[in-house]
């Protein structure tokens, strides 16, 4: 049986204050609180901009032993460059401080926007350079661009496996060549519930499964009732027989995410 990780995407949301977060809790202590209610969280800030080593170090220190972070890959690679000329930008991401998470570093999530179509050549290059362990990641990180000087951390404490998952949102990815590439490079295809807005695919392409639950009926807004929760729990039980499972709730607008994650944890008896 694989290990099951159930959590949330991000933790810094104003509507959560005074609801999920106790009234008066300092914003600086929100991760401290959330990481003691749930065992794993996706880091969202890394998607919007490169974070600094001191931030990663602080997040590591704020969370308890056994906690796991997923890291969302920078949108400069996926949305702006659309996988063109990405070697140096990927080095920048890896040099920006992720090694500070040490044993709490979980999978990388690479999310692509709806306008990005499947380009076999670009995707194979991207998948081929994703590091499969921290030693390979460090070798790539050393090629960071000069503008990163003074904002990098290359202190790797141990060699560990690294995992990657890809979330796609264009119909062109319903292509056996894409699935074959993911399997070739042992990269997971994200199982994304988007209330029917984007294509749903659930091919298992790696030794783990990565799930993102964006809303049962309405994207980012609707929650998961007991029936929907049990449906996902049953699927996760099945996937966990063959490897680890990471599942993150991204229906944060109406403060459903943390409570839905806790409901799923209870349904799974974790």
Protein backbone atom coordinates (compact mmCIF):
# COMPACT_ATOMS: atom_id res chain seq x y z
CA UNK A 1 0.00 0.00 0.00
CA UNK A 2 1.19 3.48 -0.84
CA UNK A 3 0.97 6.43 1.51
CA UNK A 4 -2.01 8.78 1.13
CA UNK A 5 -1.50 12.54 1.50
CA UNK A 6 -4.62 14.75 1.64
CA UNK A 7 -4.29 18.53 1.83
CA UNK A 8 -4.99 21.94 0.36
CA UNK A 9 -3.64 24.20 -2.36
CA UNK A 10 -2.15 27.24 -0.66
CA UNK A 11 -2.89 28.53 2.82
CA UNK A 12 -2.99 32.33 2.67
CA UNK A 13 -6.59 33.34 1.89
CA UNK A 14 -8.34 36.33 3.46
CA UNK A 15 -11.83 34.66 3.54
CA UNK A 16 -10.40 31.87 5.72
CA UNK A 17 -9.50 34.27 8.53
CA UNK A 18 -11.90 34.01 11.43
CA UNK A 19 -13.42 30.86 9.89
CA UNK A 20 -10.86 28.12 9.31
CA UNK A 21 -8.23 30.22 11.07
CA UNK A 22 -9.12 31.23 14.63
CA UNK A 23 -10.05 34.90 15.14
CA UNK A 24 -7.01 36.98 15.91
CA UNK A 25 -4.48 34.46 14.60
CA UNK A 26 -1.50 36.36 13.20
CA UNK A 27 -1.10 35.97 9.44
CA UNK A 28 2.50 34.88 10.00
CA UNK A 29 1.20 31.86 11.97
CA UNK A 30 -1.34 30.63 9.42
CA UNK A 31 0.98 27.97 7.98
CA UNK A 32 1.86 26.88 11.50
CA UNK A 33 -1.86 26.36 12.20
CA UNK A 34 -2.83 24.82 8.83
CA UNK A 35 0.05 22.33 8.90
CA UNK A 36 -1.26 20.97 12.20
CA UNK A 37 -4.75 20.46 10.80
CA UNK A 38 -3.62 18.84 7.52
CA UNK A 39 -0.54 16.79 6.59
CA UNK A 40 0.34 18.39 3.23
CA UNK A 41 -0.04 21.69 1.35
CA UNK A 42 0.75 22.89 -2.16
CA UNK A 43 2.96 25.97 -2.23
CA UNK A 44 1.14 28.39 -4.55
CA UNK A 45 3.41 31.42 -4.35
CA UNK A 46 6.11 29.64 -6.35
CA UNK A 47 3.71 29.61 -9.31
CA UNK A 48 3.40 33.39 -9.45
CA UNK A 49 7.02 34.32 -8.74
CA UNK A 50 10.30 32.78 -7.68
CA UNK A 51 10.43 32.53 -3.90
CA UNK A 52 13.52 33.14 -1.80
CA UNK A 53 15.57 30.59 0.16
CA UNK A 54 14.68 32.26 3.46
CA UNK A 55 10.97 31.74 2.71
CA UNK A 56 11.42 28.03 2.07
CA UNK A 57 13.52 27.75 5.23
CA UNK A 58 10.82 29.52 7.25
CA UNK A 59 8.11 27.22 5.85
CA UNK A 60 10.21 24.21 6.78
CA UNK A 61 10.63 25.51 10.33
CA UNK A 62 6.93 26.34 10.73
CA UNK A 63 5.69 22.83 9.95
CA UNK A 64 5.81 19.64 12.04
CA UNK A 65 7.90 16.52 11.39
CA UNK A 66 6.45 14.35 8.64
CA UNK A 67 4.76 17.27 6.88
CA UNK A 68 4.99 17.34 3.06
CA UNK A 69 5.00 20.29 0.65
CA UNK A 70 4.11 20.05 -3.01
CA UNK A 71 5.73 22.86 -5.01
CA UNK A 72 3.86 24.49 -7.87
CA UNK A 73 6.22 25.14 -10.79
CA UNK A 74 6.68 28.71 -11.95
CA UNK A 75 4.20 29.95 -14.57
CA UNK A 76 7.01 31.69 -16.48
CA UNK A 77 7.90 28.22 -17.79
CA UNK A 78 4.40 26.87 -18.39
CA UNK A 79 2.31 29.94 -19.28
CA UNK A 80 4.70 32.53 -20.70
CA UNK A 81 7.49 30.58 -22.37
CA UNK A 82 5.11 27.69 -23.09
CA UNK A 83 8.10 25.33 -22.77
CA UNK A 84 10.35 27.22 -25.22
CA UNK A 85 13.96 27.86 -24.08
CA UNK A 86 13.28 26.66 -20.55
CA UNK A 87 16.57 25.14 -19.38
CA UNK A 88 17.84 28.26 -17.59
CA UNK A 89 14.43 29.19 -16.10
CA UNK A 90 14.12 25.66 -14.71
CA UNK A 91 17.59 26.01 -13.18
CA UNK A 92 16.39 29.25 -11.56
CA UNK A 93 13.38 27.49 -10.03
CA UNK A 94 15.53 24.75 -8.56
CA UNK A 95 18.12 27.23 -7.25
CA UNK A 96 15.54 29.52 -5.63
CA UNK A 97 15.40 27.64 -2.34
CA UNK A 98 13.48 24.38 -2.75
CA UNK A 99 16.37 22.40 -1.23
CA UNK A 100 15.61 24.22 2.04
CA UNK A 101 12.50 22.01 2.35
CA UNK A 102 14.79 18.99 2.82
CA UNK A 103 12.81 15.82 3.61
CA UNK A 104 9.52 17.77 3.44
CA UNK A 105 9.90 18.32 -0.31
CA UNK A 106 7.16 16.42 -2.12
CA UNK A 107 6.15 16.44 -5.80
CA UNK A 108 6.44 19.37 -8.18
CA UNK A 109 3.21 20.36 -9.89
CA UNK A 110 3.45 21.80 -13.41
CA UNK A 111 0.13 23.31 -14.44
CA UNK A 112 -0.50 24.35 -18.05
CA UNK A 113 -3.17 26.88 -19.15
CA UNK A 114 -6.08 26.04 -21.48
CA UNK A 115 -4.41 27.73 -24.47
CA UNK A 116 -1.34 25.46 -24.40
CA UNK A 117 -1.73 22.55 -26.81
CA UNK A 118 0.20 19.31 -26.90
CA UNK A 119 3.49 19.83 -28.73
CA UNK A 120 5.32 16.47 -28.68
CA UNK A 121 8.79 17.92 -29.23
CA UNK A 122 8.54 20.62 -26.58
CA UNK A 123 6.92 18.33 -24.05
CA UNK A 124 9.48 15.60 -24.49
CA UNK A 125 12.31 18.07 -23.94
CA UNK A 126 10.58 19.43 -20.83
CA UNK A 127 9.94 15.99 -19.36
CA UNK A 128 13.45 14.82 -20.18
CA UNK A 129 15.13 17.59 -18.17
CA UNK A 130 12.95 17.32 -15.07
CA UNK A 131 15.33 15.98 -12.38
CA UNK A 132 14.43 12.61 -10.90
CA UNK A 133 16.41 13.16 -7.71
CA UNK A 134 17.88 16.03 -5.71
CA UNK A 135 21.40 15.30 -6.93
CA UNK A 136 20.33 15.82 -10.55
CA UNK A 137 18.31 18.86 -9.46
CA UNK A 138 21.37 20.40 -7.83
CA UNK A 139 23.47 19.83 -10.96
CA UNK A 140 20.85 21.69 -13.01
CA UNK A 141 20.35 24.40 -10.38
CA UNK A 142 24.03 25.35 -10.61
CA UNK A 143 23.29 26.77 -14.06
CA UNK A 144 21.02 29.50 -12.68
CA UNK A 145 21.06 32.88 -14.43
CA UNK A 146 23.21 35.73 -13.15
CA UNK A 147 20.16 37.77 -12.12
CA UNK A 148 19.60 35.18 -9.38
CA UNK A 149 22.94 35.94 -7.71
CA UNK A 150 22.47 36.38 -3.97
CA UNK A 151 19.01 34.77 -4.07
CA UNK A 152 19.91 31.08 -4.39
CA UNK A 153 20.39 28.09 -2.14
CA UNK A 154 22.44 25.14 -3.32
CA UNK A 155 22.73 23.43 0.06
CA UNK A 156 21.43 19.89 -0.48
CA UNK A 157 21.38 17.85 2.73
CA UNK A 158 20.80 14.42 1.14
CA UNK A 159 20.10 12.69 -2.14
CA UNK A 160 16.37 11.99 -2.40
CA UNK A 161 13.98 11.04 -5.20
CA UNK A 162 12.04 13.86 -6.85
CA UNK A 163 8.59 13.51 -8.37
CA UNK A 164 6.78 15.61 -10.96
CA UNK A 165 3.12 15.87 -12.01
CA UNK A 166 1.62 17.66 -15.01
CA UNK A 167 -1.86 19.23 -15.14
CA UNK A 168 -3.18 20.00 -18.63
CA UNK A 169 -6.33 21.78 -19.79
CA UNK A 170 -6.54 21.42 -23.58
CA UNK A 171 -8.29 18.64 -25.51
CA UNK A 172 -5.19 18.02 -27.64
CA UNK A 173 -3.65 16.17 -24.68
CA UNK A 174 -6.09 13.31 -25.20
CA UNK A 175 -3.31 11.70 -27.20
CA UNK A 176 -1.63 8.36 -26.61
CA UNK A 177 1.71 9.96 -27.50
CA UNK A 178 1.36 12.31 -24.52
CA UNK A 179 0.52 9.47 -22.14
CA UNK A 180 3.44 7.46 -23.50
CA UNK A 181 5.82 10.37 -22.88
CA UNK A 182 4.64 10.73 -19.28
CA UNK A 183 5.22 7.02 -18.70
CA UNK A 184 8.62 7.14 -20.38
CA UNK A 185 9.81 9.86 -17.98
CA UNK A 186 7.81 8.61 -14.95
CA UNK A 187 5.82 11.84 -14.63
CA UNK A 188 2.28 11.72 -13.21
CA UNK A 189 -0.74 13.00 -15.09
CA UNK A 190 -2.79 15.11 -12.68
CA UNK A 191 -6.30 13.79 -12.13
CA UNK A 192 -8.15 17.12 -12.07
CA UNK A 193 -11.80 17.55 -11.11
CA UNK A 194 -12.79 20.88 -12.67
CA UNK A 195 -16.60 20.66 -12.54
CA UNK A 196 -16.53 19.69 -16.22
CA UNK A 197 -14.79 22.84 -17.44
CA UNK A 198 -11.56 21.17 -18.59
CA UNK A 199 -10.79 17.66 -19.92
CA UNK A 200 -10.82 14.89 -17.33
CA UNK A 201 -8.16 12.20 -17.66
CA UNK A 202 -7.05 9.64 -15.12
CA UNK A 203 -4.33 7.56 -16.80
CA UNK A 204 -1.78 6.31 -14.27
CA UNK A 205 1.62 7.21 -15.72
CA UNK A 206 4.00 7.11 -12.72
CA UNK A 207 4.51 5.27 -9.43
CA UNK A 208 2.23 7.77 -7.69
CA UNK A 209 -1.08 9.54 -8.37
CA UNK A 210 -1.62 13.30 -8.03
CA UNK A 211 -5.18 14.62 -7.68
CA UNK A 212 -6.48 18.21 -7.66
CA UNK A 213 -10.10 18.82 -6.66
CA UNK A 214 -11.15 22.25 -7.92
CA UNK A 215 -14.87 21.97 -7.14
CA UNK A 216 -17.57 19.32 -7.50
CA UNK A 217 -20.22 21.44 -9.25
CA UNK A 218 -18.71 24.93 -9.61
CA UNK A 219 -15.03 25.61 -10.35
CA UNK A 220 -13.10 26.80 -7.25
CA UNK A 221 -16.33 27.48 -5.37
CA UNK A 222 -18.45 24.41 -4.64
CA UNK A 223 -17.68 21.90 -1.93
CA UNK A 224 -17.79 18.11 -1.81
CA UNK A 225 -20.69 16.54 0.09
CA UNK A 226 -20.53 13.15 1.79
CA UNK A 227 -21.52 11.27 -1.38
CA UNK A 228 -18.87 13.00 -3.52
CA UNK A 229 -16.29 12.55 -0.77
CA UNK A 230 -16.94 8.82 -0.61
CA UNK A 231 -16.61 8.52 -4.41
CA UNK A 232 -13.16 10.07 -4.24
CA UNK A 233 -12.23 8.04 -1.18
CA UNK A 234 -13.04 4.84 -3.04
CA UNK A 235 -10.90 5.83 -6.00
CA UNK A 236 -8.02 6.83 -3.74
CA UNK A 237 -8.20 3.49 -1.94
CA UNK A 238 -7.80 1.78 -5.29
CA UNK A 239 -4.90 3.93 -6.45
CA UNK A 240 -3.09 3.57 -3.11
CA UNK A 241 -2.83 -0.20 -3.65
CA UNK A 242 -0.23 0.55 -6.33
CA UNK A 243 1.62 3.62 -4.98
CA UNK A 244 1.47 6.88 -3.08
CA UNK A 245 -1.43 9.28 -3.60
CA UNK A 246 -1.35 13.07 -3.22
CA UNK A 247 -4.70 14.87 -3.22
CA UNK A 248 -5.17 18.65 -2.91
CA UNK A 249 -8.38 20.66 -2.62
CA UNK A 250 -8.35 23.91 -4.60
CA UNK A 251 -11.97 24.99 -3.99
CA UNK A 252 -10.90 27.83 -1.71
CA UNK A 253 -13.26 30.70 -2.61
CA UNK A 254 -15.95 29.81 -0.07
CA UNK A 255 -13.64 28.21 2.50
CA UNK A 256 -14.58 24.66 1.48
CA UNK A 257 -11.04 23.38 0.85
CA UNK A 258 -9.71 22.75 4.38
CA UNK A 259 -12.97 21.26 5.62
CA UNK A 260 -13.37 19.07 2.53
CA UNK A 261 -9.80 17.82 3.01
CA UNK A 262 -10.55 16.93 6.63
CA UNK A 263 -13.77 15.17 5.57
CA UNK A 264 -11.87 13.08 3.02
CA UNK A 265 -9.22 12.21 5.60
CA UNK A 266 -11.95 10.93 7.93
CA UNK A 267 -13.63 9.00 5.11
CA UNK A 268 -10.34 7.24 4.42
CA UNK A 269 -9.80 6.51 8.11
CA UNK A 270 -6.44 8.27 8.12
